[in-house]
Amino acid sequence: MYAVTGATGQLGRLAIELLLKTVPASQIVAAVRTPSKALDLAARGVIVREADYSRPETLSTALAGVDKLLLISSTEVSGRLPQHRAVIEAAQKAKVSLLAYTSMLHADTSGAQLALEHRQTEEAIATSGLPAAILRNGWYTENHLMALPAALEHGAFVGAAKDGLFSSAPRADYAAAAVAVLTAPDQAGKTYELAADKAFTLADLAAEMAHQSGKPVVYNDLSAEAYQNVLTGIGLPDDFAALLVDADVAASRDELFHDSGALSKLIGRPTTSMKDSIAAALRG
């Protein structure tokens, strides 16, 4: 029995769809905060169970009988560690044979604010004694492409990463890696630094946006403070904007770069290029 937490989220749904290609639906548990959002999965035979990270009493029932668990990190800006610990404790009670956790690239050494709770979660998993695999995902290409419409409208893509390299890949690639680890034997104790085959700077990204759209787009590198003001000015909450700014600053130190090729090896194909991701976004 396989379970995926956050199964109605962007990464979780991709993982469920990939599991369905090789695993009978009756052996897949979609662990979700709101079961009504997974009615389509239930109609296909997937077992849907309530699993709210913030309500530990739901987690033991959700993981009953589960053998392998994909713990997708909470989307909360802060306060994720208690949520993750609740899932870890439920996984201990269920005696899962493998817990795969979606962490962050270089979580053990990164100075990025986002890395802290990932690092603490990794430590909690290690302390638990559970057989585990750590999936340190790089930056999602979709995070960059959220700004594509504004970049095309205003002719500029803004950030604070200087000429730092991003080894970004789309969620579909990371979901494929997670499913590969979840369904493969002998994964306990492994840690994967997952990153795209080819890295790019934000200037490269802006140039490719311009090339494919036929519109002028330049990269404007800002100070961290100025970038924070831009993000809050378009309505992002202060704490979320601060994390995005901090991620760019981490990228300027190449903390979102890696070149091991582990991601493409796991998924059995080259990672999706930044160019192809932009093309897909422009097609809508």
C-alpha atoms as a PDB file:
ATOM      1  CA  MET A   1       0.000   0.000   0.000  1.00  0.00           C
ATOM      2  CA  TYR A   2       1.353   3.390  -1.065  1.00  0.00           C
ATOM      3  CA  ALA A   3       0.283   6.716   0.425  1.00  0.00           C
ATOM      4  CA  VAL A   4       0.879  10.270  -0.743  1.00  0.00           C
ATOM      5  CA  THR A   5       0.223  13.176   1.613  1.00  0.00           C
ATOM      6  CA  GLY A   6      -0.991  16.472   0.205  1.00  0.00           C
ATOM      7  CA  ALA A   7      -2.400  14.414  -2.653  1.00  0.00           C
ATOM      8  CA  THR A   8      -4.640  17.179  -3.995  1.00  0.00           C
ATOM      9  CA  GLY A   9      -1.775  19.667  -4.125  1.00  0.00           C
ATOM     10  CA  GLN A  10       0.217  20.443  -7.253  1.00  0.00           C
ATOM     11  CA  LEU A  11       3.031  17.977  -6.574  1.00  0.00           C
ATOM     12  CA  GLY A  12       0.817  15.394  -4.886  1.00  0.00           C
ATOM     13  CA  ARG A  13      -1.598  15.064  -7.790  1.00  0.00           C
ATOM     14  CA  LEU A  14       1.278  14.542 -10.192  1.00  0.00           C
ATOM     15  CA  ALA A  15       2.659  11.803  -7.949  1.00  0.00           C
ATOM     16  CA  ILE A  16      -0.737  10.072  -7.728  1.00  0.00           C
ATOM     17  CA  GLU A  17      -1.137  10.152 -11.520  1.00  0.00           C
ATOM     18  CA  LEU A  18       2.287   8.595 -12.013  1.00  0.00           C
ATOM     19  CA  LEU A  19       1.633   5.924  -9.384  1.00  0.00           C
ATOM     20  CA  LEU A  20      -1.594   5.002 -11.162  1.00  0.00           C
ATOM     21  CA  LYS A  21       0.433   4.057 -14.234  1.00  0.00           C
ATOM     22  CA  THR A  22       2.155   1.194 -12.411  1.00  0.00           C
ATOM     23  CA  VAL A  23       0.204   0.499  -9.200  1.00  0.00           C
ATOM     24  CA  PRO A  24      -3.450  -0.600  -8.901  1.00  0.00           C
ATOM     25  CA  ALA A  25      -5.659   2.213  -7.622  1.00  0.00           C
ATOM     26  CA  SER A  26      -6.769  -0.022  -4.746  1.00  0.00           C
ATOM     27  CA  GLN A  27      -3.196   0.085  -3.419  1.00  0.00           C
ATOM     28  CA  ILE A  28      -2.911   3.881  -3.413  1.00  0.00           C
ATOM     29  CA  VAL A  29      -3.973   6.118  -0.538  1.00  0.00           C
ATOM     30  CA  ALA A  30      -4.532   9.790  -1.286  1.00  0.00           C
ATOM     31  CA  ALA A  31      -4.048  11.401   2.118  1.00  0.00           C
ATOM     32  CA  VAL A  32      -5.716  14.810   1.914  1.00  0.00           C
ATOM     33  CA  ARG A  33      -6.851  17.605   4.202  1.00  0.00           C
ATOM     34  CA  THR A  34     -10.167  17.950   2.356  1.00  0.00           C
ATOM     35  CA  PRO A  35     -11.477  14.639   0.971  1.00  0.00           C
ATOM     36  CA  SER A  36     -14.164  16.410  -1.080  1.00  0.00           C
ATOM     37  CA  LYS A  37     -11.377  17.783  -3.283  1.00  0.00           C
ATOM     38  CA  ALA A  38     -10.347  14.224  -4.202  1.00  0.00           C
ATOM     39  CA  LEU A  39     -13.695  12.879  -5.397  1.00  0.00           C
ATOM     40  CA  ASP A  40     -12.256  12.393  -8.879  1.00  0.00           C
ATOM     41  CA  LEU A  41      -9.512  10.175  -7.447  1.00  0.00           C
ATOM     42  CA  ALA A  42     -12.012   8.183  -5.417  1.00  0.00           C
ATOM     43  CA  ALA A  43     -14.070   7.636  -8.575  1.00  0.00           C
ATOM     44  CA  ARG A  44     -10.993   6.029 -10.143  1.00  0.00           C
ATOM     45  CA  GLY A  45     -10.598   3.619  -7.247  1.00  0.00           C
ATOM     46  CA  VAL A  46      -7.966   5.475  -5.225  1.00  0.00           C
ATOM     47  CA  ILE A  47      -8.463   5.217  -1.461  1.00  0.00           C
ATOM     48  CA  VAL A  48      -9.090   8.733  -0.164  1.00  0.00           C
ATOM     49  CA  ARG A  49      -8.463   9.410   3.532  1.00  0.00           C
ATOM     50  CA  GLU A  50      -8.530  12.590   5.561  1.00  0.00           C
ATOM     51  CA  ALA A  51      -5.045  13.592   6.691  1.00  0.00           C
ATOM     52  CA  ASP A  52      -4.668  17.078   8.106  1.00  0.00           C
ATOM     53  CA  TYR A  53      -1.098  17.910   9.170  1.00  0.00           C
ATOM     54  CA  SER A  54      -2.482  20.223  11.830  1.00  0.00           C
ATOM     55  CA  ARG A  55      -4.859  17.585  13.234  1.00  0.00           C
ATOM     56  CA  PRO A  56      -2.682  14.643  14.312  1.00  0.00           C
ATOM     57  CA  GLU A  57      -5.735  12.568  15.224  1.00  0.00           C
ATOM     58  CA  THR A  58      -6.485  12.171  11.495  1.00  0.00           C
ATOM     59  CA  LEU A  59      -3.036  10.892  10.597  1.00  0.00           C
ATOM     60  CA  SER A  60      -2.934   7.480  12.272  1.00  0.00           C
ATOM     61  CA  THR A  61      -6.156   6.459  10.563  1.00  0.00           C
ATOM     62  CA  ALA A  62      -4.943   7.835   7.252  1.00  0.00           C
ATOM     63  CA  LEU A  63      -1.743   5.781   7.357  1.00  0.00           C
ATOM     64  CA  ALA A  64      -3.231   2.528   8.672  1.00  0.00           C
ATOM     65  CA  GLY A  65      -1.945  -0.366   6.575  1.00  0.00           C
ATOM     66  CA  VAL A  66       0.404   1.852   4.554  1.00  0.00           C
ATOM     67  CA  ASP A  67       3.725   0.309   3.547  1.00  0.00           C
ATOM     68  CA  LYS A  68       5.411   3.157   1.680  1.00  0.00           C
ATOM     69  CA  LEU A  69       4.720   6.833   2.328  1.00  0.00           C
ATOM     70  CA  LEU A  70       5.544   9.947   0.333  1.00  0.00           C
ATOM     71  CA  LEU A  71       5.527  12.869   2.768  1.00  0.00           C
ATOM     72  CA  ILE A  72       5.168  16.019   0.717  1.00  0.00           C
ATOM     73  CA  SER A  73       6.306  18.980   2.763  1.00  0.00           C
ATOM     74  CA  SER A  74       3.659  21.343   4.053  1.00  0.00           C
ATOM     75  CA  THR A  75       3.028  24.523   2.102  1.00  0.00           C
ATOM     76  CA  GLU A  76       2.866  26.650   5.260  1.00  0.00           C
ATOM     77  CA  VAL A  77       5.332  29.531   5.181  1.00  0.00           C
ATOM     78  CA  SER A  78       6.397  28.741   8.750  1.00  0.00           C
ATOM     79  CA  GLY A  79       5.439  26.266  11.441  1.00  0.00           C
ATOM     80  CA  ARG A  80       5.905  23.239   9.219  1.00  0.00           C
ATOM     81  CA  LEU A  81       8.069  21.272  11.616  1.00  0.00           C
ATOM     82  CA  PRO A  82       5.284  20.350  14.098  1.00  0.00           C
ATOM     83  CA  GLN A  83       3.128  19.278  11.158  1.00  0.00           C
ATOM     84  CA  HIS A  84       5.868  17.091   9.737  1.00  0.00           C
ATOM     85  CA  ARG A  85       6.603  15.590  13.146  1.00  0.00           C
ATOM     86  CA  ALA A  86       2.945  14.587  13.463  1.00  0.00           C
ATOM     87  CA  VAL A  87       3.152  12.683  10.179  1.00  0.00           C
ATOM     88  CA  ILE A  88       6.444  11.071  11.205  1.00  0.00           C
ATOM     89  CA  GLU A  89       4.891   9.870  14.465  1.00  0.00           C
ATOM     90  CA  ALA A  90       1.905   8.435  12.589  1.00  0.00           C
ATOM     91  CA  ALA A  91       4.282   6.705  10.171  1.00  0.00           C
ATOM     92  CA  GLN A  92       6.081   5.152  13.145  1.00  0.00           C
ATOM     93  CA  LYS A  93       2.787   3.794  14.477  1.00  0.00           C
ATOM     94  CA  ALA A  94       1.940   2.428  11.028  1.00  0.00           C
ATOM     95  CA  LYS A  95       5.415   0.838  10.834  1.00  0.00           C
ATOM     96  CA  VAL A  96       5.930   1.968   7.258  1.00  0.00           C
ATOM     97  CA  SER A  97       8.810   0.292   5.436  1.00  0.00           C
ATOM     98  CA  LEU A  98       9.818   3.520   3.680  1.00  0.00           C
ATOM     99  CA  LEU A  99       9.158   7.205   4.255  1.00  0.00           C
ATOM    100  CA  ALA A 100      10.218   9.426   1.347  1.00  0.00           C
ATOM    101  CA  TYR A 101      10.319  13.135   2.213  1.00  0.00           C
ATOM    102  CA  THR A 102      10.411  16.071  -0.218  1.00  0.00           C
ATOM    103  CA  SER A 103      13.098  18.322   1.207  1.00  0.00           C
ATOM    104  CA  MET A 104      15.092  21.177  -0.352  1.00  0.00           C
ATOM    105  CA  LEU A 105      18.296  21.209  -2.346  1.00  0.00           C
ATOM    106  CA  HIS A 106      21.335  21.362  -0.023  1.00  0.00           C
ATOM    107  CA  ALA A 107      19.036  21.448   3.001  1.00  0.00           C
ATOM    108  CA  ASP A 108      21.852  20.318   5.272  1.00  0.00           C
ATOM    109  CA  THR A 109      24.149  23.211   4.364  1.00  0.00           C
ATOM    110  CA  SER A 110      21.997  25.947   2.813  1.00  0.00           C
ATOM    111  CA  GLY A 111      21.686  29.308   4.526  1.00  0.00           C
ATOM    112  CA  ALA A 112      18.274  29.908   2.966  1.00  0.00           C
ATOM    113  CA  GLN A 113      15.422  30.457   5.408  1.00  0.00           C
ATOM    114  CA  LEU A 114      13.371  27.847   3.561  1.00  0.00           C
ATOM    115  CA  ALA A 115      16.022  25.230   4.272  1.00  0.00           C
ATOM    116  CA  LEU A 116      15.760  25.469   8.061  1.00  0.00           C
ATOM    117  CA  GLU A 117      12.542  23.528   8.621  1.00  0.00           C
ATOM    118  CA  HIS A 118      13.519  21.033   5.930  1.00  0.00           C
ATOM    119  CA  ARG A 119      16.782  20.420   7.759  1.00  0.00           C
ATOM    120  CA  GLN A 120      14.929  20.056  11.053  1.00  0.00           C
ATOM    121  CA  THR A 121      12.480  17.625   9.458  1.00  0.00           C
ATOM    122  CA  GLU A 122      15.334  15.542   8.086  1.00  0.00           C
ATOM    123  CA  GLU A 123      16.778  15.420  11.591  1.00  0.00           C
ATOM    124  CA  ALA A 124      13.409  14.384  13.033  1.00  0.00           C
ATOM    125  CA  ILE A 125      13.149  11.582  10.480  1.00  0.00           C
ATOM    126  CA  ALA A 126      16.648  10.381  11.325  1.00  0.00           C
ATOM    127  CA  THR A 127      15.859  10.433  15.035  1.00  0.00           C
ATOM    128  CA  SER A 128      12.648   8.466  14.456  1.00  0.00           C
ATOM    129  CA  GLY A 129      14.563   5.467  13.172  1.00  0.00           C
ATOM    130  CA  LEU A 130      12.165   5.084  10.246  1.00  0.00           C
ATOM    131  CA  PRO A 131      13.599   3.657   7.009  1.00  0.00           C
ATOM    132  CA  ALA A 132      13.686   6.812   4.915  1.00  0.00           C
ATOM    133  CA  ALA A 133      14.774   8.388   1.658  1.00  0.00           C
ATOM    134  CA  ILE A 134      15.361  12.137   1.459  1.00  0.00           C
ATOM    135  CA  LEU A 135      14.435  13.875  -1.794  1.00  0.00           C
ATOM    136  CA  ARG A 136      16.097  17.284  -1.817  1.00  0.00           C
ATOM    137  CA  ASN A 137      14.178  19.033  -4.570  1.00  0.00           C
ATOM    138  CA  GLY A 138      15.650  21.989  -6.396  1.00  0.00           C
ATOM    139  CA  TRP A 139      13.665  25.124  -7.204  1.00  0.00           C
ATOM    140  CA  TYR A 140      10.484  24.542  -9.187  1.00  0.00           C
ATOM    141  CA  THR A 141      10.548  26.124 -12.653  1.00  0.00           C
ATOM    142  CA  GLU A 142       6.906  27.054 -12.073  1.00  0.00           C
ATOM    143  CA  ASN A 143       8.058  29.435  -9.325  1.00  0.00           C
ATOM    144  CA  HIS A 144       9.902  31.454 -11.953  1.00  0.00           C
ATOM    145  CA  LEU A 145       7.088  31.290 -14.493  1.00  0.00           C
ATOM    146  CA  MET A 146       4.513  32.785 -12.128  1.00  0.00           C
ATOM    147  CA  ALA A 147       6.082  36.100 -13.148  1.00  0.00           C
ATOM    148  CA  LEU A 148       5.883  35.409 -16.898  1.00  0.00           C
ATOM    149  CA  PRO A 149       2.690  37.425 -17.598  1.00  0.00           C
ATOM    150  CA  ALA A 150       4.028  40.453 -15.714  1.00  0.00           C
ATOM    151  CA  ALA A 151       7.413  40.152 -17.412  1.00  0.00           C
ATOM    152  CA  LEU A 152       5.787  40.173 -20.840  1.00  0.00           C
ATOM    153  CA  GLU A 153       3.536  43.074 -19.900  1.00  0.00           C
ATOM    154  CA  HIS A 154       6.261  45.269 -18.423  1.00  0.00           C
ATOM    155  CA  GLY A 155       9.252  44.079 -20.437  1.00  0.00           C
ATOM    156  CA  ALA A 156      11.230  43.120 -17.354  1.00  0.00           C
ATOM    157  CA  PHE A 157      11.794  40.176 -15.041  1.00  0.00           C
ATOM    158  CA  VAL A 158      12.961  41.241 -11.586  1.00  0.00           C
ATOM    159  CA  GLY A 159      14.844  39.397  -8.884  1.00  0.00           C
ATOM    160  CA  ALA A 160      17.777  39.580  -6.495  1.00  0.00           C
ATOM    161  CA  ALA A 161      19.828  36.545  -7.554  1.00  0.00           C
ATOM    162  CA  LYS A 162      22.624  38.425  -9.349  1.00  0.00           C
ATOM    163  CA  ASP A 163      24.236  35.909 -11.730  1.00  0.00           C
ATOM    164  CA  GLY A 164      23.509  32.913  -9.499  1.00  0.00           C
ATOM    165  CA  LEU A 165      22.589  29.641 -11.136  1.00  0.00           C
ATOM    166  CA  PHE A 166      19.245  27.902 -10.688  1.00  0.00           C
ATOM    167  CA  SER A 167      19.096  24.165 -11.387  1.00  0.00           C
ATOM    168  CA  SER A 168      15.317  24.404 -11.674  1.00  0.00           C
ATOM    169  CA  ALA A 169      13.014  21.695 -13.004  1.00  0.00           C
ATOM    170  CA  PRO A 170       9.224  21.486 -13.209  1.00  0.00           C
ATOM    171  CA  ARG A 171       7.147  19.704 -10.579  1.00  0.00           C
ATOM    172  CA  ALA A 172       6.440  16.846 -12.970  1.00  0.00           C
ATOM    173  CA  ASP A 173      10.126  15.891 -12.956  1.00  0.00           C
ATOM    174  CA  TYR A 174      10.325  15.914  -9.161  1.00  0.00           C
ATOM    175  CA  ALA A 175       7.084  13.915  -8.910  1.00  0.00           C
ATOM    176  CA  ALA A 176       8.529  11.318 -11.285  1.00  0.00           C
ATOM    177  CA  ALA A 177      11.633  11.058  -9.108  1.00  0.00           C
ATOM    178  CA  ALA A 178       9.540  10.642  -5.962  1.00  0.00           C
ATOM    179  CA  VAL A 179       7.503   7.840  -7.508  1.00  0.00           C
ATOM    180  CA  ALA A 180      10.657   6.162  -8.794  1.00  0.00           C
ATOM    181  CA  VAL A 181      12.096   6.116  -5.276  1.00  0.00           C
ATOM    182  CA  LEU A 182       8.800   5.068  -3.690  1.00  0.00           C
ATOM    183  CA  THR A 183       8.397   2.063  -5.990  1.00  0.00           C
ATOM    184  CA  ALA A 184      12.035   0.941  -6.124  1.00  0.00           C
ATOM    185  CA  PRO A 185      13.639  -1.506  -3.694  1.00  0.00           C
ATOM    186  CA  ASP A 186      16.411  -0.675  -1.240  1.00  0.00           C
ATOM    187  CA  GLN A 187      15.902   3.078  -0.964  1.00  0.00           C
ATOM    188  CA  ALA A 188      16.156   3.440   2.807  1.00  0.00           C
ATOM    189  CA  GLY A 189      19.099   5.563   3.882  1.00  0.00           C
ATOM    190  CA  LYS A 190      19.505   7.338   0.552  1.00  0.00           C
ATOM    191  CA  THR A 191      19.596  11.102   0.082  1.00  0.00           C
ATOM    192  CA  TYR A 192      19.150  12.586  -3.380  1.00  0.00           C
ATOM    193  CA  GLU A 193      20.137  16.104  -4.416  1.00  0.00           C
ATOM    194  CA  LEU A 194      17.617  16.587  -7.220  1.00  0.00           C
ATOM    195  CA  ALA A 195      18.303  19.268  -9.809  1.00  0.00           C
ATOM    196  CA  ALA A 196      17.931  19.942 -13.516  1.00  0.00           C
ATOM    197  CA  ASP A 197      20.569  18.817 -15.978  1.00  0.00           C
ATOM    198  CA  LYS A 198      21.179  22.385 -17.160  1.00  0.00           C
ATOM    199  CA  ALA A 199      21.208  25.423 -14.876  1.00  0.00           C
ATOM    200  CA  PHE A 200      20.402  29.012 -15.845  1.00  0.00           C
ATOM    201  CA  THR A 201      20.626  32.529 -14.478  1.00  0.00           C
ATOM    202  CA  LEU A 202      17.631  34.838 -14.273  1.00  0.00           C
ATOM    203  CA  ALA A 203      19.172  36.828 -17.118  1.00  0.00           C
ATOM    204  CA  ASP A 204      19.125  33.627 -19.200  1.00  0.00           C
ATOM    205  CA  LEU A 205      15.493  33.124 -18.221  1.00  0.00           C
ATOM    206  CA  ALA A 206      14.504  36.658 -19.262  1.00  0.00           C
ATOM    207  CA  ALA A 207      16.351  36.328 -22.563  1.00  0.00           C
ATOM    208  CA  GLU A 208      14.521  33.094 -23.356  1.00  0.00           C
ATOM    209  CA  MET A 209      11.189  34.683 -22.461  1.00  0.00           C
ATOM    210  CA  ALA A 210      11.974  37.454 -24.927  1.00  0.00           C
ATOM    211  CA  HIS A 211      13.141  35.039 -27.620  1.00  0.00           C
ATOM    212  CA  GLN A 212      10.070  32.840 -27.491  1.00  0.00           C
ATOM    213  CA  SER A 213       7.465  35.552 -27.009  1.00  0.00           C
ATOM    214  CA  GLY A 214       8.922  38.012 -29.498  1.00  0.00           C
ATOM    215  CA  LYS A 215       8.567  40.717 -26.854  1.00  0.00           C
ATOM    216  CA  PRO A 216      11.376  42.614 -25.121  1.00  0.00           C
ATOM    217  CA  VAL A 217      12.147  41.216 -21.675  1.00  0.00           C
ATOM    218  CA  VAL A 218      15.250  42.130 -19.676  1.00  0.00           C
ATOM    219  CA  TYR A 219      16.380  41.002 -16.245  1.00  0.00           C
ATOM    220  CA  ASN A 220      16.565  43.745 -13.643  1.00  0.00           C
ATOM    221  CA  ASP A 221      18.642  42.676 -10.662  1.00  0.00           C
ATOM    222  CA  LEU A 222      17.521  44.492  -7.516  1.00  0.00           C
ATOM    223  CA  SER A 223      18.703  44.746  -3.968  1.00  0.00           C
ATOM    224  CA  ALA A 224      16.966  42.400  -1.551  1.00  0.00           C
ATOM    225  CA  GLU A 225      15.082  45.335  -0.031  1.00  0.00           C
ATOM    226  CA  ALA A 226      13.914  46.652  -3.399  1.00  0.00           C
ATOM    227  CA  TYR A 227      12.796  43.190  -4.524  1.00  0.00           C
ATOM    228  CA  GLN A 228      10.875  42.748  -1.258  1.00  0.00           C
ATOM    229  CA  ASN A 229       9.095  46.044  -1.938  1.00  0.00           C
ATOM    230  CA  VAL A 230       8.169  44.905  -5.449  1.00  0.00           C
ATOM    231  CA  LEU A 231       6.682  41.651  -4.179  1.00  0.00           C
ATOM    232  CA  THR A 232       4.706  43.222  -1.356  1.00  0.00           C
ATOM    233  CA  GLY A 233       3.639  45.946  -3.758  1.00  0.00           C
ATOM    234  CA  ILE A 234       1.871  43.382  -5.939  1.00  0.00           C
ATOM    235  CA  GLY A 235       0.072  41.981  -2.922  1.00  0.00           C
ATOM    236  CA  LEU A 236       2.216  39.142  -1.584  1.00  0.00           C
ATOM    237  CA  PRO A 237       2.197  38.761   2.202  1.00  0.00           C
ATOM    238  CA  ASP A 238       5.333  40.124   3.863  1.00  0.00           C
ATOM    239  CA  ASP A 239       6.518  36.767   5.200  1.00  0.00           C
ATOM    240  CA  PHE A 240       6.039  34.947   1.888  1.00  0.00           C
ATOM    241  CA  ALA A 241       7.734  37.752  -0.041  1.00  0.00           C
ATOM    242  CA  ALA A 242      10.651  37.623   2.389  1.00  0.00           C
ATOM    243  CA  LEU A 243      11.137  33.901   1.728  1.00  0.00           C
ATOM    244  CA  LEU A 244      11.166  34.451  -2.035  1.00  0.00           C
ATOM    245  CA  VAL A 245      13.693  37.247  -1.695  1.00  0.00           C
ATOM    246  CA  ASP A 246      15.825  35.104   0.583  1.00  0.00           C
ATOM    247  CA  ALA A 247      15.714  32.261  -1.956  1.00  0.00           C
ATOM    248  CA  ASP A 248      17.078  34.597  -4.638  1.00  0.00           C
ATOM    249  CA  VAL A 249      19.841  35.696  -2.293  1.00  0.00           C
ATOM    250  CA  ALA A 250      20.637  32.017  -1.648  1.00  0.00           C
ATOM    251  CA  ALA A 251      20.734  31.467  -5.405  1.00  0.00           C
ATOM    252  CA  SER A 252      23.261  34.294  -5.711  1.00  0.00           C
ATOM    253  CA  ARG A 253      25.495  32.052  -3.580  1.00  0.00           C
ATOM    254  CA  ASP A 254      24.718  29.128  -5.948  1.00  0.00           C
ATOM    255  CA  GLU A 255      22.812  27.301  -3.222  1.00  0.00           C
ATOM    256  CA  LEU A 256      20.072  26.425  -5.735  1.00  0.00           C
ATOM    257  CA  PHE A 257      22.595  24.910  -8.148  1.00  0.00           C
ATOM    258  CA  HIS A 258      23.642  21.275  -8.369  1.00  0.00           C
ATOM    259  CA  ASP A 259      25.055  19.176 -11.185  1.00  0.00           C
ATOM    260  CA  SER A 260      25.053  15.559  -9.994  1.00  0.00           C
ATOM    261  CA  GLY A 261      22.529  14.421 -12.604  1.00  0.00           C
ATOM    262  CA  ALA A 262      20.657  12.434  -9.941  1.00  0.00           C
ATOM    263  CA  LEU A 263      17.250  13.693 -11.077  1.00  0.00           C
ATOM    264  CA  SER A 264      17.600  12.585 -14.691  1.00  0.00           C
ATOM    265  CA  LYS A 265      19.041   9.250 -13.569  1.00  0.00           C
ATOM    266  CA  LEU A 266      16.041   8.591 -11.349  1.00  0.00           C
ATOM    267  CA  ILE A 267      13.433   9.501 -13.945  1.00  0.00           C
ATOM    268  CA  GLY A 268      15.245   7.759 -16.793  1.00  0.00           C
ATOM    269  CA  ARG A 269      15.244  10.735 -19.160  1.00  0.00           C
ATOM    270  CA  PRO A 270      16.711  14.234 -19.426  1.00  0.00           C
ATOM    271  CA  THR A 271      15.091  16.776 -17.153  1.00  0.00           C
ATOM    272  CA  THR A 272      12.651  19.214 -18.739  1.00  0.00           C
ATOM    273  CA  SER A 273      14.548  22.247 -19.955  1.00  0.00           C
ATOM    274  CA  MET A 274      13.812  25.825 -19.026  1.00  0.00           C
ATOM    275  CA  LYS A 275      13.159  26.500 -22.723  1.00  0.00           C
ATOM    276  CA  ASP A 276      10.532  23.758 -22.930  1.00  0.00           C
ATOM    277  CA  SER A 277       8.888  24.983 -19.722  1.00  0.00           C
ATOM    278  CA  ILE A 278       8.613  28.506 -21.097  1.00  0.00           C
ATOM    279  CA  ALA A 279       7.188  27.167 -24.359  1.00  0.00           C
ATOM    280  CA  ALA A 280       4.553  25.196 -22.455  1.00  0.00           C
ATOM    281  CA  ALA A 281       3.651  28.238 -20.357  1.00  0.00           C
ATOM    282  CA  LEU A 282       3.263  30.421 -23.435  1.00  0.00           C
ATOM    283  CA  ARG A 283       0.981  27.831 -25.012  1.00  0.00           C
ATOM    284  CA  GLY A 284      -1.132  27.960 -21.858  1.00  0.00           C
END
